[in-house]
Amino acid sequence: MATTYKKGDSDTRPWGTWEVLDSADNHCVKKICVRPGGQLSLQLHHHRAEHWIIVSGKAVITLDGAEFSKQAGEAVYIPTETKHRIQNNTSADVVFIEVQTGDRLDENDIVRFEDKYGRI
């Protein structure tokens, strides 16, 4: 297993920000903030699964065609090869912790299907 993420890595995206809290060969832990009105692309990963734990706010999750809400204290598991997205339809930030596991952990393992910011 390999990761190119390093603790302290961060990025600003059109929908918000992410920061790597921990990273090793077999996992990566990110803190992700989705601003009000923000929406990640509908995407999947070939090489990793993700666990999301909502720590603040209320998010709308799309997972394999189903849409549902999650709020602080709730979690969702995203298997490898499963289309998913998170969006924030509220007026407060949504913050969640993402734990990635898999045989390749990097930003190149994102296959986008829909993106309101034109990144396809």
PDB file of N, CA and C in Angstrom:
ATOM      1  N   MET A   1       0.839  -1.185   0.000  1.00  0.00           N
ATOM      2  CA  MET A   1       0.000   0.000   0.000  1.00  0.00           C
ATOM      3  C   MET A   1       0.882   1.245   0.000  1.00  0.00           C
ATOM      4  N   ALA A   2       0.380   2.277  -0.641  1.00  0.00           N
ATOM      5  CA  ALA A   2       1.182   3.489  -0.722  1.00  0.00           C
ATOM      6  C   ALA A   2       0.286   4.720  -0.642  1.00  0.00           C
ATOM      7  N   THR A   3       0.833   5.752  -0.062  1.00  0.00           N
ATOM      8  CA  THR A   3       0.133   7.034  -0.017  1.00  0.00           C
ATOM      9  C   THR A   3       1.119   8.130  -0.391  1.00  0.00           C
ATOM     10  N   THR A   4       0.611   9.139  -1.091  1.00  0.00           N
ATOM     11  CA  THR A   4       1.444  10.298  -1.376  1.00  0.00           C
ATOM     12  C   THR A   4       1.083  11.453  -0.445  1.00  0.00           C
ATOM     13  N   TYR A   5       0.023  11.278   0.366  1.00  0.00           N
ATOM     14  CA  TYR A   5      -0.348  12.308   1.330  1.00  0.00           C
ATOM     15  C   TYR A   5       0.656  12.357   2.472  1.00  0.00           C
ATOM     16  N   LYS A   6       0.908  13.551   2.965  1.00  0.00           N
ATOM     17  CA  LYS A   6       1.780  13.741   4.121  1.00  0.00           C
ATOM     18  C   LYS A   6       1.026  14.559   5.159  1.00  0.00           C
ATOM     19  N   LYS A   7       1.259  14.254   6.424  1.00  0.00           N
ATOM     20  CA  LYS A   7       0.639  15.011   7.509  1.00  0.00           C
ATOM     21  C   LYS A   7       0.914  16.499   7.305  1.00  0.00           C
ATOM     22  N   GLY A   8      -0.130  17.308   7.392  1.00  0.00           N
ATOM     23  CA  GLY A   8       0.001  18.748   7.196  1.00  0.00           C
ATOM     24  C   GLY A   8      -0.337  19.217   5.796  1.00  0.00           C
ATOM     25  N   ASP A   9      -0.396  18.292   4.815  1.00  0.00           N
ATOM     26  CA  ASP A   9      -0.836  18.678   3.467  1.00  0.00           C
ATOM     27  C   ASP A   9      -2.226  19.296   3.575  1.00  0.00           C
ATOM     28  N   SER A  10      -2.509  20.273   2.730  1.00  0.00           N
ATOM     29  CA  SER A  10      -3.836  20.879   2.715  1.00  0.00           C
ATOM     30  C   SER A  10      -4.095  21.476   1.344  1.00  0.00           C
ATOM     31  N   ASP A  11      -5.362  21.761   1.076  1.00  0.00           N
ATOM     32  CA  ASP A  11      -5.721  22.366  -0.197  1.00  0.00           C
ATOM     33  C   ASP A  11      -7.046  23.099  -0.035  1.00  0.00           C
ATOM     34  N   THR A  12      -7.221  24.123  -0.850  1.00  0.00           N
ATOM     35  CA  THR A  12      -8.483  24.846  -0.930  1.00  0.00           C
ATOM     36  C   THR A  12      -9.121  24.491  -2.262  1.00  0.00           C
ATOM     37  N   ARG A  13     -10.375  24.115  -2.216  1.00  0.00           N
ATOM     38  CA  ARG A  13     -11.136  23.733  -3.398  1.00  0.00           C
ATOM     39  C   ARG A  13     -12.318  24.698  -3.543  1.00  0.00           C
ATOM     40  N   PRO A  14     -13.025  24.655  -4.666  1.00  0.00           N
ATOM     41  CA  PRO A  14     -14.172  25.570  -4.821  1.00  0.00           C
ATOM     42  C   PRO A  14     -15.248  25.375  -3.749  1.00  0.00           C
ATOM     43  N   TRP A  15     -15.339  24.180  -3.184  1.00  0.00           N
ATOM     44  CA  TRP A  15     -16.370  23.839  -2.197  1.00  0.00           C
ATOM     45  C   TRP A  15     -15.913  24.024  -0.751  1.00  0.00           C
ATOM     46  N   GLY A  16     -14.614  24.172  -0.501  1.00  0.00           N
ATOM     47  CA  GLY A  16     -14.104  24.288   0.869  1.00  0.00           C
ATOM     48  C   GLY A  16     -12.638  23.918   0.960  1.00  0.00           C
ATOM     49  N   THR A  17     -12.264  23.215   2.049  1.00  0.00           N
ATOM     50  CA  THR A  17     -10.854  22.892   2.284  1.00  0.00           C
ATOM     51  C   THR A  17     -10.693  21.475   2.816  1.00  0.00           C
ATOM     52  N   TRP A  18      -9.469  20.945   2.675  1.00  0.00           N
ATOM     53  CA  TRP A  18      -9.107  19.691   3.349  1.00  0.00           C
ATOM     54  C   TRP A  18      -7.698  19.801   3.890  1.00  0.00           C
ATOM     55  N   GLU A  19      -7.447  19.027   4.965  1.00  0.00           N
ATOM     56  CA  GLU A  19      -6.134  18.986   5.598  1.00  0.00           C
ATOM     57  C   GLU A  19      -5.851  17.555   6.053  1.00  0.00           C
ATOM     58  N   VAL A  20      -4.641  17.073   5.796  1.00  0.00           N
ATOM     59  CA  VAL A  20      -4.249  15.736   6.229  1.00  0.00           C
ATOM     60  C   VAL A  20      -3.819  15.791   7.694  1.00  0.00           C
ATOM     61  N   LEU A  21      -4.527  15.015   8.534  1.00  0.00           N
ATOM     62  CA  LEU A  21      -4.221  14.955   9.966  1.00  0.00           C
ATOM     63  C   LEU A  21      -3.235  13.845  10.290  1.00  0.00           C
ATOM     64  N   ASP A  22      -3.264  12.760   9.491  1.00  0.00           N
ATOM     65  CA  ASP A  22      -2.374  11.623   9.706  1.00  0.00           C
ATOM     66  C   ASP A  22      -2.261  10.859   8.402  1.00  0.00           C
ATOM     67  N   SER A  23      -1.109  10.222   8.190  1.00  0.00           N
ATOM     68  CA  SER A  23      -0.895   9.479   6.956  1.00  0.00           C
ATOM     69  C   SER A  23       0.159   8.407   7.176  1.00  0.00           C
ATOM     70  N   ALA A  24      -0.083   7.234   6.586  1.00  0.00           N
ATOM     71  CA  ALA A  24       0.870   6.125   6.620  1.00  0.00           C
ATOM     72  C   ALA A  24       0.625   5.304   5.362  1.00  0.00           C
ATOM     73  N   ASP A  25       1.376   4.213   5.192  1.00  0.00           N
ATOM     74  CA  ASP A  25       1.234   3.402   3.982  1.00  0.00           C
ATOM     75  C   ASP A  25      -0.167   2.823   3.811  1.00  0.00           C
ATOM     76  N   ASN A  26      -0.883   2.594   4.904  1.00  0.00           N
ATOM     77  CA  ASN A  26      -2.167   1.910   4.789  1.00  0.00           C
ATOM     78  C   ASN A  26      -3.379   2.777   5.087  1.00  0.00           C
ATOM     79  N   HIS A  27      -3.166   4.071   5.408  1.00  0.00           N
ATOM     80  CA  HIS A  27      -4.311   4.934   5.666  1.00  0.00           C
ATOM     81  C   HIS A  27      -3.950   6.411   5.524  1.00  0.00           C
ATOM     82  N   CYS A  28      -5.004   7.210   5.376  1.00  0.00           N
ATOM     83  CA  CYS A  28      -4.868   8.667   5.392  1.00  0.00           C
ATOM     84  C   CYS A  28      -6.096   9.209   6.112  1.00  0.00           C
ATOM     85  N   VAL A  29      -5.883  10.179   7.011  1.00  0.00           N
ATOM     86  CA  VAL A  29      -6.971  10.801   7.752  1.00  0.00           C
ATOM     87  C   VAL A  29      -6.999  12.282   7.389  1.00  0.00           C
ATOM     88  N   LYS A  30      -8.148  12.738   6.874  1.00  0.00           N
ATOM     89  CA  LYS A  30      -8.314  14.139   6.493  1.00  0.00           C
ATOM     90  C   LYS A  30      -9.430  14.792   7.285  1.00  0.00           C
ATOM     91  N   LYS A  31      -9.254  16.074   7.568  1.00  0.00           N
ATOM     92  CA  LYS A  31     -10.341  16.917   8.066  1.00  0.00           C
ATOM     93  C   LYS A  31     -10.820  17.727   6.872  1.00  0.00           C
ATOM     94  N   ILE A  32     -12.109  17.630   6.573  1.00  0.00           N
ATOM     95  CA  ILE A  32     -12.667  18.280   5.390  1.00  0.00           C
ATOM     96  C   ILE A  32     -13.768  19.240   5.821  1.00  0.00           C
ATOM     97  N   CYS A  33     -13.741  20.445   5.287  1.00  0.00           N
ATOM     98  CA  CYS A  33     -14.750  21.466   5.571  1.00  0.00           C
ATOM     99  C   CYS A  33     -15.443  21.830   4.266  1.00  0.00           C
ATOM    100  N   VAL A  34     -16.764  21.674   4.249  1.00  0.00           N
ATOM    101  CA  VAL A  34     -17.565  22.032   3.072  1.00  0.00           C
ATOM    102  C   VAL A  34     -18.349  23.294   3.421  1.00  0.00           C
ATOM    103  N   ARG A  35     -18.073  24.371   2.705  1.00  0.00           N
ATOM    104  CA  ARG A  35     -18.729  25.653   2.959  1.00  0.00           C
ATOM    105  C   ARG A  35     -20.215  25.589   2.600  1.00  0.00           C
ATOM    106  N   PRO A  36     -21.022  26.512   3.150  1.00  0.00           N
ATOM    107  CA  PRO A  36     -22.434  26.566   2.778  1.00  0.00           C
ATOM    108  C   PRO A  36     -22.597  26.650   1.259  1.00  0.00           C
ATOM    109  N   GLY A  37     -23.472  25.804   0.715  1.00  0.00           N
ATOM    110  CA  GLY A  37     -23.687  25.749  -0.730  1.00  0.00           C
ATOM    111  C   GLY A  37     -22.661  24.915  -1.468  1.00  0.00           C
ATOM    112  N   GLY A  38     -21.638  24.434  -0.778  1.00  0.00           N
ATOM    113  CA  GLY A  38     -20.578  23.651  -1.410  1.00  0.00           C
ATOM    114  C   GLY A  38     -21.004  22.224  -1.698  1.00  0.00           C
ATOM    115  N   GLN A  39     -20.383  21.670  -2.718  1.00  0.00           N
ATOM    116  CA  GLN A  39     -20.712  20.306  -3.132  1.00  0.00           C
ATOM    117  C   GLN A  39     -19.487  19.679  -3.791  1.00  0.00           C
ATOM    118  N   LEU A  40     -19.059  18.540  -3.276  1.00  0.00           N
ATOM    119  CA  LEU A  40     -17.976  17.810  -3.933  1.00  0.00           C
ATOM    120  C   LEU A  40     -18.517  17.175  -5.199  1.00  0.00           C
ATOM    121  N   SER A  41     -17.647  16.814  -6.118  1.00  0.00           N
ATOM    122  CA  SER A  41     -18.079  16.168  -7.350  1.00  0.00           C
ATOM    123  C   SER A  41     -18.645  14.782  -7.049  1.00  0.00           C
ATOM    124  N   LEU A  42     -19.533  14.315  -7.917  1.00  0.00           N
ATOM    125  CA  LEU A  42     -19.968  12.924  -7.866  1.00  0.00           C
ATOM    126  C   LEU A  42     -18.794  12.128  -8.400  1.00  0.00           C
ATOM    127  N   GLN A  43     -18.247  11.224  -7.579  1.00  0.00           N
ATOM    128  CA  GLN A  43     -16.975  10.587  -7.901  1.00  0.00           C
ATOM    129  C   GLN A  43     -16.916   9.169  -7.368  1.00  0.00           C
ATOM    130  N   LEU A  44     -15.872   8.462  -7.811  1.00  0.00           N
ATOM    131  CA  LEU A  44     -15.548   7.167  -7.215  1.00  0.00           C
ATOM    132  C   LEU A  44     -14.043   7.019  -7.204  1.00  0.00           C
ATOM    133  N   HIS A  45     -13.593   6.011  -6.462  1.00  0.00           N
ATOM    134  CA  HIS A  45     -12.165   5.712  -6.341  1.00  0.00           C
ATOM    135  C   HIS A  45     -11.951   4.242  -6.655  1.00  0.00           C
ATOM    136  N   HIS A  46     -10.952   3.948  -7.463  1.00  0.00           N
ATOM    137  CA  HIS A  46     -10.628   2.559  -7.814  1.00  0.00           C
ATOM    138  C   HIS A  46      -9.793   1.869  -6.743  1.00  0.00           C
ATOM    139  N   HIS A  47      -9.042   2.651  -5.967  1.00  0.00           N
ATOM    140  CA  HIS A  47      -8.033   2.062  -5.077  1.00  0.00           C
ATOM    141  C   HIS A  47      -8.267   2.292  -3.591  1.00  0.00           C
ATOM    142  N   ARG A  48      -9.338   2.986  -3.219  1.00  0.00           N
ATOM    143  CA  ARG A  48      -9.540   3.242  -1.798  1.00  0.00           C
ATOM    144  C   ARG A  48     -11.015   3.234  -1.412  1.00  0.00           C
ATOM    145  N   ALA A  49     -11.248   2.887  -0.162  1.00  0.00           N
ATOM    146  CA  ALA A  49     -12.544   3.038   0.489  1.00  0.00           C
ATOM    147  C   ALA A  49     -12.421   4.200   1.459  1.00  0.00           C
ATOM    148  N   GLU A  50     -13.548   4.769   1.854  1.00  0.00           N
ATOM    149  CA  GLU A  50     -13.531   5.892   2.782  1.00  0.00           C
ATOM    150  C   GLU A  50     -14.586   5.703   3.865  1.00  0.00           C
ATOM    151  N   HIS A  51     -14.254   6.162   5.058  1.00  0.00           N
ATOM    152  CA  HIS A  51     -15.203   6.272   6.165  1.00  0.00           C
ATOM    153  C   HIS A  51     -15.322   7.761   6.454  1.00  0.00           C
ATOM    154  N   TRP A  52     -16.539   8.284   6.481  1.00  0.00           N
ATOM    155  CA  TRP A  52     -16.762   9.688   6.816  1.00  0.00           C
ATOM    156  C   TRP A  52     -17.470   9.774   8.152  1.00  0.00           C
ATOM    157  N   ILE A  53     -16.971  10.607   9.054  1.00  0.00           N
ATOM    158  CA  ILE A  53     -17.617  10.876  10.329  1.00  0.00           C
ATOM    159  C   ILE A  53     -17.928  12.370  10.372  1.00  0.00           C
ATOM    160  N   ILE A  54     -19.204  12.712  10.402  1.00  0.00           N
ATOM    161  CA  ILE A  54     -19.603  14.118  10.450  1.00  0.00           C
ATOM    162  C   ILE A  54     -19.351  14.631  11.869  1.00  0.00           C
ATOM    163  N   VAL A  55     -18.599  15.733  11.985  1.00  0.00           N
ATOM    164  CA  VAL A  55     -18.309  16.288  13.303  1.00  0.00           C
ATOM    165  C   VAL A  55     -19.063  17.584  13.576  1.00  0.00           C
ATOM    166  N   SER A  56     -19.503  18.281  12.527  1.00  0.00           N
ATOM    167  CA  SER A  56     -20.368  19.447  12.720  1.00  0.00           C
ATOM    168  C   SER A  56     -21.155  19.719  11.454  1.00  0.00           C
ATOM    169  N   GLY A  57     -22.353  20.244  11.632  1.00  0.00           N
ATOM    170  CA  GLY A  57     -23.214  20.567  10.515  1.00  0.00           C
ATOM    171  C   GLY A  57     -24.090  19.405  10.086  1.00  0.00           C
ATOM    172  N   LYS A  58     -24.829  19.637   9.001  1.00  0.00           N
ATOM    173  CA  LYS A  58     -25.728  18.629   8.433  1.00  0.00           C
ATOM    174  C   LYS A  58     -25.437  18.526   6.940  1.00  0.00           C
ATOM    175  N   ALA A  59     -25.108  17.325   6.501  1.00  0.00           N
ATOM    176  CA  ALA A  59     -24.706  17.098   5.119  1.00  0.00           C
ATOM    177  C   ALA A  59     -25.740  16.253   4.380  1.00  0.00           C
ATOM    178  N   VAL A  60     -25.787  16.432   3.073  1.00  0.00           N
ATOM    179  CA  VAL A  60     -26.552  15.540   2.201  1.00  0.00           C
ATOM    180  C   VAL A  60     -25.533  14.652   1.496  1.00  0.00           C
ATOM    181  N   ILE A  61     -25.697  13.353   1.637  1.00  0.00           N
ATOM    182  CA  ILE A  61     -24.782  12.370   1.066  1.00  0.00           C
ATOM    183  C   ILE A  61     -25.471  11.679  -0.097  1.00  0.00           C
ATOM    184  N   THR A  62     -24.755  11.535  -1.200  1.00  0.00           N
ATOM    185  CA  THR A  62     -25.204  10.681  -2.294  1.00  0.00           C
ATOM    186  C   THR A  62     -24.275   9.477  -2.299  1.00  0.00           C
ATOM    187  N   LEU A  63     -24.863   8.277  -2.242  1.00  0.00           N
ATOM    188  CA  LEU A  63     -24.078   7.049  -2.195  1.00  0.00           C
ATOM    189  C   LEU A  63     -24.748   6.003  -3.074  1.00  0.00           C
ATOM    190  N   ASP A  64     -24.079   5.666  -4.186  1.00  0.00           N
ATOM    191  CA  ASP A  64     -24.576   4.632  -5.081  1.00  0.00           C
ATOM    192  C   ASP A  64     -26.023   4.896  -5.520  1.00  0.00           C
ATOM    193  N   GLY A  65     -26.322   6.177  -5.825  1.00  0.00           N
ATOM    194  CA  GLY A  65     -27.632   6.560  -6.325  1.00  0.00           C
ATOM    195  C   GLY A  65     -28.649   6.946  -5.258  1.00  0.00           C
ATOM    196  N   ALA A  66     -28.405   6.617  -3.996  1.00  0.00           N
ATOM    197  CA  ALA A  66     -29.318   6.987  -2.906  1.00  0.00           C
ATOM    198  C   ALA A  66     -28.856   8.298  -2.283  1.00  0.00           C
ATOM    199  N   GLU A  67     -29.814   9.108  -1.816  1.00  0.00           N
ATOM    200  CA  GLU A  67     -29.493  10.382  -1.175  1.00  0.00           C
ATOM    201  C   GLU A  67     -30.094  10.396   0.228  1.00  0.00           C
ATOM    202  N   PHE A  68     -29.299  10.814   1.212  1.00  0.00           N
ATOM    203  CA  PHE A  68     -29.754  10.851   2.599  1.00  0.00           C
ATOM    204  C   PHE A  68     -28.953  11.893   3.365  1.00  0.00           C
ATOM    205  N   SER A  69     -29.457  12.281   4.540  1.00  0.00           N
ATOM    206  CA  SER A  69     -28.800  13.285   5.378  1.00  0.00           C
ATOM    207  C   SER A  69     -28.021  12.622   6.502  1.00  0.00           C
ATOM    208  N   LYS A  70     -26.933  13.266   6.873  1.00  0.00           N
ATOM    209  CA  LYS A  70     -26.140  12.861   8.041  1.00  0.00           C
ATOM    210  C   LYS A  70     -25.779  14.132   8.796  1.00  0.00           C
ATOM    211  N   GLN A  71     -25.725  14.018  10.127  1.00  0.00           N
ATOM    212  CA  GLN A  71     -25.366  15.171  10.954  1.00  0.00           C
ATOM    213  C   GLN A  71     -24.287  14.777  11.949  1.00  0.00           C
ATOM    214  N   ALA A  72     -23.857  15.739  12.757  1.00  0.00           N
ATOM    215  CA  ALA A  72     -22.773  15.520  13.715  1.00  0.00           C
ATOM    216  C   ALA A  72     -23.006  14.245  14.521  1.00  0.00           C
ATOM    217  N   GLY A  73     -21.964  13.423  14.596  1.00  0.00           N
ATOM    218  CA  GLY A  73     -22.019  12.166  15.327  1.00  0.00           C
ATOM    219  C   GLY A  73     -22.379  10.967  14.476  1.00  0.00           C
ATOM    220  N   GLU A  74     -22.782  11.194  13.238  1.00  0.00           N
ATOM    221  CA  GLU A  74     -23.151  10.095  12.344  1.00  0.00           C
ATOM    222  C   GLU A  74     -22.040   9.829  11.333  1.00  0.00           C
ATOM    223  N   ALA A  75     -22.036   8.615  10.788  1.00  0.00           N
ATOM    224  CA  ALA A  75     -20.961   8.195   9.883  1.00  0.00           C
ATOM    225  C   ALA A  75     -21.532   7.476   8.671  1.00  0.00           C
ATOM    226  N   VAL A  76     -20.710   7.368   7.649  1.00  0.00           N
ATOM    227  CA  VAL A  76     -21.071   6.629   6.438  1.00  0.00           C
ATOM    228  C   VAL A  76     -19.811   5.949   5.909  1.00  0.00           C
ATOM    229  N   TYR A  77     -19.983   4.760   5.332  1.00  0.00           N
ATOM    230  CA  TYR A  77     -18.881   4.012   4.725  1.00  0.00           C
ATOM    231  C   TYR A  77     -19.065   4.034   3.215  1.00  0.00           C
ATOM    232  N   ILE A  78     -17.991   4.360   2.487  1.00  0.00           N
ATOM    233  CA  ILE A  78     -18.010   4.400   1.028  1.00  0.00           C
ATOM    234  C   ILE A  78     -17.058   3.326   0.512  1.00  0.00           C
ATOM    235  N   PRO A  79     -17.605   2.217   0.007  1.00  0.00           N
ATOM    236  CA  PRO A  79     -16.743   1.156  -0.527  1.00  0.00           C
ATOM    237  C   PRO A  79     -15.998   1.607  -1.794  1.00  0.00           C
ATOM    238  N   THR A  80     -14.904   0.944  -2.099  1.00  0.00           N
ATOM    239  CA  THR A  80     -14.188   1.161  -3.353  1.00  0.00           C
ATOM    240  C   THR A  80     -15.159   0.990  -4.514  1.00  0.00           C
ATOM    241  N   GLU A  81     -14.966   1.781  -5.582  1.00  0.00           N
ATOM    242  CA  GLU A  81     -15.767   1.683  -6.820  1.00  0.00           C
ATOM    243  C   GLU A  81     -17.222   2.113  -6.637  1.00  0.00           C
ATOM    244  N   THR A  82     -17.537   2.877  -5.599  1.00  0.00           N
ATOM    245  CA  THR A  82     -18.905   3.316  -5.350  1.00  0.00           C
ATOM    246  C   THR A  82     -19.015   4.824  -5.574  1.00  0.00           C
ATOM    247  N   LYS A  83     -19.945   5.245  -6.442  1.00  0.00           N
ATOM    248  CA  LYS A  83     -20.146   6.671  -6.686  1.00  0.00           C
ATOM    249  C   LYS A  83     -20.670   7.326  -5.414  1.00  0.00           C
ATOM    250  N   HIS A  84     -20.096   8.506  -5.106  1.00  0.00           N
ATOM    251  CA  HIS A  84     -20.485   9.211  -3.886  1.00  0.00           C
ATOM    252  C   HIS A  84     -20.246  10.715  -4.010  1.00  0.00           C
ATOM    253  N   ARG A  85     -20.915  11.443  -3.114  1.00  0.00           N
ATOM    254  CA  ARG A  85     -20.764  12.903  -3.058  1.00  0.00           C
ATOM    255  C   ARG A  85     -21.283  13.369  -1.710  1.00  0.00           C
ATOM    256  N   ILE A  86     -20.779  14.512  -1.259  1.00  0.00           N
ATOM    257  CA  ILE A  86     -21.306  15.181  -0.073  1.00  0.00           C
ATOM    258  C   ILE A  86     -21.570  16.627  -0.457  1.00  0.00           C
ATOM    259  N   GLN A  87     -22.667  17.160   0.064  1.00  0.00           N
ATOM    260  CA  GLN A  87     -22.987  18.559  -0.206  1.00  0.00           C
ATOM    261  C   GLN A  87     -23.547  19.215   1.050  1.00  0.00           C
ATOM    262  N   ASN A  88     -23.428  20.530   1.072  1.00  0.00           N
ATOM    263  CA  ASN A  88     -23.866  21.322   2.211  1.00  0.00           C
ATOM    264  C   ASN A  88     -24.944  22.294   1.733  1.00  0.00           C
ATOM    265  N   ASN A  89     -26.189  22.020   2.110  1.00  0.00           N
ATOM    266  CA  ASN A  89     -27.309  22.879   1.723  1.00  0.00           C
ATOM    267  C   ASN A  89     -27.714  23.842   2.838  1.00  0.00           C
ATOM    268  N   THR A  90     -26.876  23.966   3.868  1.00  0.00           N
ATOM    269  CA  THR A  90     -27.210  24.801   5.020  1.00  0.00           C
ATOM    270  C   THR A  90     -26.396  26.099   5.004  1.00  0.00           C
ATOM    271  N   SER A  91     -26.592  26.914   6.032  1.00  0.00           N
ATOM    272  CA  SER A  91     -25.863  28.188   6.124  1.00  0.00           C
ATOM    273  C   SER A  91     -24.644  28.102   7.043  1.00  0.00           C
ATOM    274  N   ALA A  92     -24.315  26.891   7.529  1.00  0.00           N
ATOM    275  CA  ALA A  92     -23.144  26.695   8.386  1.00  0.00           C
ATOM    276  C   ALA A  92     -22.223  25.657   7.745  1.00  0.00           C
ATOM    277  N   ASP A  93     -20.928  25.717   8.057  1.00  0.00           N
ATOM    278  CA  ASP A  93     -19.974  24.745   7.519  1.00  0.00           C
ATOM    279  C   ASP A  93     -20.351  23.321   7.923  1.00  0.00           C
ATOM    280  N   VAL A  94     -20.071  22.385   7.043  1.00  0.00           N
ATOM    281  CA  VAL A  94     -20.106  20.957   7.370  1.00  0.00           C
ATOM    282  C   VAL A  94     -18.654  20.520   7.497  1.00  0.00           C
ATOM    283  N   VAL A  95     -18.313  19.921   8.642  1.00  0.00           N
ATOM    284  CA  VAL A  95     -16.956  19.427   8.864  1.00  0.00           C
ATOM    285  C   VAL A  95     -17.048  17.931   9.098  1.00  0.00           C
ATOM    286  N   PHE A  96     -16.186  17.186   8.393  1.00  0.00           N
ATOM    287  CA  PHE A  96     -16.152  15.745   8.613  1.00  0.00           C
ATOM    288  C   PHE A  96     -14.732  15.226   8.559  1.00  0.00           C
ATOM    289  N   ILE A  97     -14.541  14.090   9.199  1.00  0.00           N
ATOM    290  CA  ILE A  97     -13.259  13.398   9.187  1.00  0.00           C
ATOM    291  C   ILE A  97     -13.382  12.263   8.183  1.00  0.00           C
ATOM    292  N   GLU A  98     -12.433  12.192   7.281  1.00  0.00           N
ATOM    293  CA  GLU A  98     -12.405  11.143   6.259  1.00  0.00           C
ATOM    294  C   GLU A  98     -11.219  10.224   6.532  1.00  0.00           C
ATOM    295  N   VAL A  99     -11.491   8.944   6.674  1.00  0.00           N
ATOM    296  CA  VAL A  99     -10.434   7.954   6.841  1.00  0.00           C
ATOM    297  C   VAL A  99     -10.393   7.119   5.561  1.00  0.00           C
ATOM    298  N   GLN A 100      -9.283   7.214   4.850  1.00  0.00           N
ATOM    299  CA  GLN A 100      -9.088   6.466   3.606  1.00  0.00           C
ATOM    300  C   GLN A 100      -8.249   5.219   3.893  1.00  0.00           C
ATOM    301  N   THR A 101      -8.656   4.094   3.286  1.00  0.00           N
ATOM    302  CA  THR A 101      -7.852   2.875   3.334  1.00  0.00           C
ATOM    303  C   THR A 101      -7.833   2.279   1.928  1.00  0.00           C
ATOM    304  N   GLY A 102      -6.701   1.713   1.544  1.00  0.00           N
ATOM    305  CA  GLY A 102      -6.609   1.117   0.221  1.00  0.00           C
ATOM    306  C   GLY A 102      -5.172   0.944  -0.217  1.00  0.00           C
ATOM    307  N   ASP A 103      -5.026   0.465  -1.456  1.00  0.00           N
ATOM    308  CA  ASP A 103      -3.673   0.169  -1.947  1.00  0.00           C
ATOM    309  C   ASP A 103      -3.006   1.356  -2.637  1.00  0.00           C
ATOM    310  N   ARG A 104      -3.750   2.444  -2.870  1.00  0.00           N
ATOM    311  CA  ARG A 104      -3.175   3.675  -3.410  1.00  0.00           C
ATOM    312  C   ARG A 104      -3.995   4.842  -2.891  1.00  0.00           C
ATOM    313  N   LEU A 105      -3.342   5.710  -2.148  1.00  0.00           N
ATOM    314  CA  LEU A 105      -4.021   6.844  -1.529  1.00  0.00           C
ATOM    315  C   LEU A 105      -3.408   8.133  -2.042  1.00  0.00           C
ATOM    316  N   ASP A 106      -4.057   8.743  -3.029  1.00  0.00           N
ATOM    317  CA  ASP A 106      -3.586  10.016  -3.571  1.00  0.00           C
ATOM    318  C   ASP A 106      -4.713  10.696  -4.338  1.00  0.00           C
ATOM    319  N   GLU A 107      -4.489  11.944  -4.710  1.00  0.00           N
ATOM    320  CA  GLU A 107      -5.502  12.740  -5.401  1.00  0.00           C
ATOM    321  C   GLU A 107      -5.744  12.279  -6.841  1.00  0.00           C
ATOM    322  N   ASN A 108      -4.886  11.413  -7.369  1.00  0.00           N
ATOM    323  CA  ASN A 108      -5.074  10.930  -8.740  1.00  0.00           C
ATOM    324  C   ASN A 108      -6.119   9.826  -8.833  1.00  0.00           C
ATOM    325  N   ASP A 109      -6.555   9.294  -7.690  1.00  0.00           N
ATOM    326  CA  ASP A 109      -7.560   8.231  -7.683  1.00  0.00           C
ATOM    327  C   ASP A 109      -8.959   8.819  -7.484  1.00  0.00           C
ATOM    328  N   ILE A 110      -9.284   9.826  -8.294  1.00  0.00           N
ATOM    329  CA  ILE A 110     -10.615  10.429  -8.287  1.00  0.00           C
ATOM    330  C   ILE A 110     -11.149  10.385  -9.714  1.00  0.00           C
ATOM    331  N   VAL A 111     -12.256   9.680  -9.907  1.00  0.00           N
ATOM    332  CA  VAL A 111     -12.949   9.644 -11.195  1.00  0.00           C
ATOM    333  C   VAL A 111     -14.221  10.457 -11.019  1.00  0.00           C
ATOM    334  N   ARG A 112     -14.309  11.611 -11.698  1.00  0.00           N
ATOM    335  CA  ARG A 112     -15.465  12.500 -11.556  1.00  0.00           C
ATOM    336  C   ARG A 112     -16.507  12.208 -12.631  1.00  0.00           C
ATOM    337  N   PHE A 113     -17.790  12.216 -12.208  1.00  0.00           N
ATOM    338  CA  PHE A 113     -18.909  12.010 -13.122  1.00  0.00           C
ATOM    339  C   PHE A 113     -19.728  13.280 -13.300  1.00  0.00           C
ATOM    340  N   GLU A 114     -19.887  14.056 -12.237  1.00  0.00           N
ATOM    341  CA  GLU A 114     -20.588  15.342 -12.277  1.00  0.00           C
ATOM    342  C   GLU A 114     -19.812  16.294 -11.389  1.00  0.00           C
ATOM    343  N   ASP A 115     -19.731  17.571 -11.817  1.00  0.00           N
ATOM    344  CA  ASP A 115     -19.037  18.555 -10.991  1.00  0.00           C
ATOM    345  C   ASP A 115     -19.575  19.939 -11.335  1.00  0.00           C
ATOM    346  N   LYS A 116     -20.186  20.593 -10.361  1.00  0.00           N
ATOM    347  CA  LYS A 116     -20.767  21.905 -10.625  1.00  0.00           C
ATOM    348  C   LYS A 116     -19.718  22.998 -10.821  1.00  0.00           C
ATOM    349  N   TYR A 117     -18.447  22.679 -10.591  1.00  0.00           N
ATOM    350  CA  TYR A 117     -17.360  23.645 -10.759  1.00  0.00           C
ATOM    351  C   TYR A 117     -16.578  23.422 -12.059  1.00  0.00           C
ATOM    352  N   GLY A 118     -17.064  22.515 -12.923  1.00  0.00           N
ATOM    353  CA  GLY A 118     -16.449  22.316 -14.231  1.00  0.00           C
ATOM    354  C   GLY A 118     -15.110  21.602 -14.210  1.00  0.00           C
ATOM    355  N   ARG A 119     -14.873  20.695 -13.246  1.00  0.00           N
ATOM    356  CA  ARG A 119     -13.585  20.023 -13.145  1.00  0.00           C
ATOM    357  C   ARG A 119     -13.572  18.629 -13.778  1.00  0.00           C
ATOM    358  N   ILE A 120     -14.491  18.350 -14.678  1.00  0.00           N
ATOM    359  CA  ILE A 120     -14.495  17.030 -15.330  1.00  0.00           C
ATOM    360  C   ILE A 120     -13.625  17.088 -16.565  1.00  0.00           C
TER     361      ILE A 120
END
